[in-house]
């Protein structure tokens, strides 16, 4: 975890930006010693958002299955998985 004071973003924007890009990790900014903001590289953010959408879809599918709703065929699942993988890979490419 990378933690910096909020003043660092004003004084060292380029340094913070480069740190986010090189590390691929979010940088946590504090204000008066308390957590205030999180800054991250746009590519890392896009990957994270893609993974969250995928997880939401998987949870929704599992909830549907558990509630007794009819499932999907193997071909339908294969198509959905290919689309999800493509979305993740496209998010990584930016």
Protein backbone atom coordinates (compact mmCIF):
# COMPACT_ATOMS: atom_id res chain seq x y z
CA UNK A 1 0.00 0.00 0.00
CA UNK A 2 1.35 3.40 -1.00
CA UNK A 3 0.37 6.31 1.23
CA UNK A 4 1.14 9.98 0.57
CA UNK A 5 -0.05 13.26 2.09
CA UNK A 6 -2.66 15.11 -0.01
CA UNK A 7 -0.19 17.95 -0.57
CA UNK A 8 1.90 15.53 -2.64
CA UNK A 9 -0.66 15.55 -5.45
CA UNK A 10 -0.45 19.33 -5.75
CA UNK A 11 3.31 19.51 -5.48
CA UNK A 12 4.31 16.30 -7.27
CA UNK A 13 1.52 15.37 -9.69
CA UNK A 14 3.91 13.87 -12.25
CA UNK A 15 5.68 11.82 -9.57
CA UNK A 16 2.37 10.47 -8.22
CA UNK A 17 1.17 9.70 -11.76
CA UNK A 18 4.36 7.82 -12.57
CA UNK A 19 4.18 5.92 -9.27
CA UNK A 20 0.63 4.80 -10.08
CA UNK A 21 1.62 3.69 -13.59
CA UNK A 22 4.81 1.87 -12.58
CA UNK A 23 3.38 0.11 -9.53
CA UNK A 24 -0.08 -0.61 -10.93
CA UNK A 25 -1.26 0.04 -7.38
CA UNK A 26 -3.52 2.78 -6.03
CA UNK A 27 -1.93 5.61 -4.06
CA UNK A 28 -3.78 6.52 -0.88
CA UNK A 29 -3.76 10.23 -0.07
CA UNK A 30 -4.19 11.48 3.46
CA UNK A 31 -5.41 14.83 4.76
CA UNK A 32 -4.51 15.77 8.31
CA UNK A 33 -3.35 12.21 8.89
CA UNK A 34 -6.68 10.66 7.86
CA UNK A 35 -7.51 8.79 4.65
CA UNK A 36 -8.96 11.20 2.07
CA UNK A 37 -8.59 10.00 -1.54
CA UNK A 38 -7.32 7.13 -3.65
CA UNK A 39 -5.58 7.82 -6.96
CA UNK A 40 -4.86 5.14 -9.52
CA UNK A 41 -3.71 4.67 -13.10
CA UNK A 42 -6.58 4.68 -15.60
CA UNK A 43 -5.62 1.24 -16.98
CA UNK A 44 -5.58 -0.27 -13.48
CA UNK A 45 -8.96 1.35 -12.84
CA UNK A 46 -10.41 -0.08 -16.08
CA UNK A 47 -9.16 -3.58 -15.16
CA UNK A 48 -10.65 -3.27 -11.71
CA UNK A 49 -14.00 -2.14 -13.08
CA UNK A 50 -14.05 -5.03 -15.58
CA UNK A 51 -13.32 -7.53 -12.83
CA UNK A 52 -16.05 -6.04 -10.61
CA UNK A 53 -18.60 -6.29 -13.44
CA UNK A 54 -17.58 -9.90 -14.04
CA UNK A 55 -17.97 -10.72 -10.35
CA UNK A 56 -21.38 -9.02 -10.25
CA UNK A 57 -22.49 -11.11 -13.24
CA UNK A 58 -21.23 -14.29 -11.64
CA UNK A 59 -23.01 -13.53 -8.36
CA UNK A 60 -26.25 -12.74 -10.23
CA UNK A 61 -25.98 -16.03 -12.14
CA UNK A 62 -25.38 -17.97 -8.94
CA UNK A 63 -28.32 -16.27 -7.23
CA UNK A 64 -30.53 -17.17 -10.20
CA UNK A 65 -29.35 -20.76 -10.07
CA UNK A 66 -30.00 -21.01 -6.35
CA UNK A 67 -33.50 -19.57 -6.73
CA UNK A 68 -34.35 -22.35 -9.19
CA UNK A 69 -34.40 -20.37 -12.41
CA UNK A 70 -33.52 -22.29 -15.54
CA UNK A 71 -29.87 -22.29 -16.45
CA UNK A 72 -27.93 -21.73 -19.64
CA UNK A 73 -26.77 -24.18 -22.24
CA UNK A 74 -23.08 -24.97 -22.61
CA UNK A 75 -22.98 -22.90 -25.79
CA UNK A 76 -24.58 -19.92 -24.03
CA UNK A 77 -22.10 -20.15 -21.14
CA UNK A 78 -19.21 -20.46 -23.58
CA UNK A 79 -20.35 -17.31 -25.41
CA UNK A 80 -20.78 -15.38 -22.15
CA UNK A 81 -17.33 -16.44 -20.89
CA UNK A 82 -15.69 -15.45 -24.18
CA UNK A 83 -17.39 -12.04 -23.99
CA UNK A 84 -16.28 -11.58 -20.36
CA UNK A 85 -12.69 -12.54 -21.15
CA UNK A 86 -12.66 -10.19 -24.13
CA UNK A 87 -13.93 -7.37 -21.91
CA UNK A 88 -11.17 -7.98 -19.36
CA UNK A 89 -8.48 -8.17 -22.05
CA UNK A 90 -9.78 -5.04 -23.76
CA UNK A 91 -9.67 -3.27 -20.39
CA UNK A 92 -6.03 -4.28 -19.97
CA UNK A 93 -5.12 -2.92 -23.39
CA UNK A 94 -6.69 0.41 -22.49
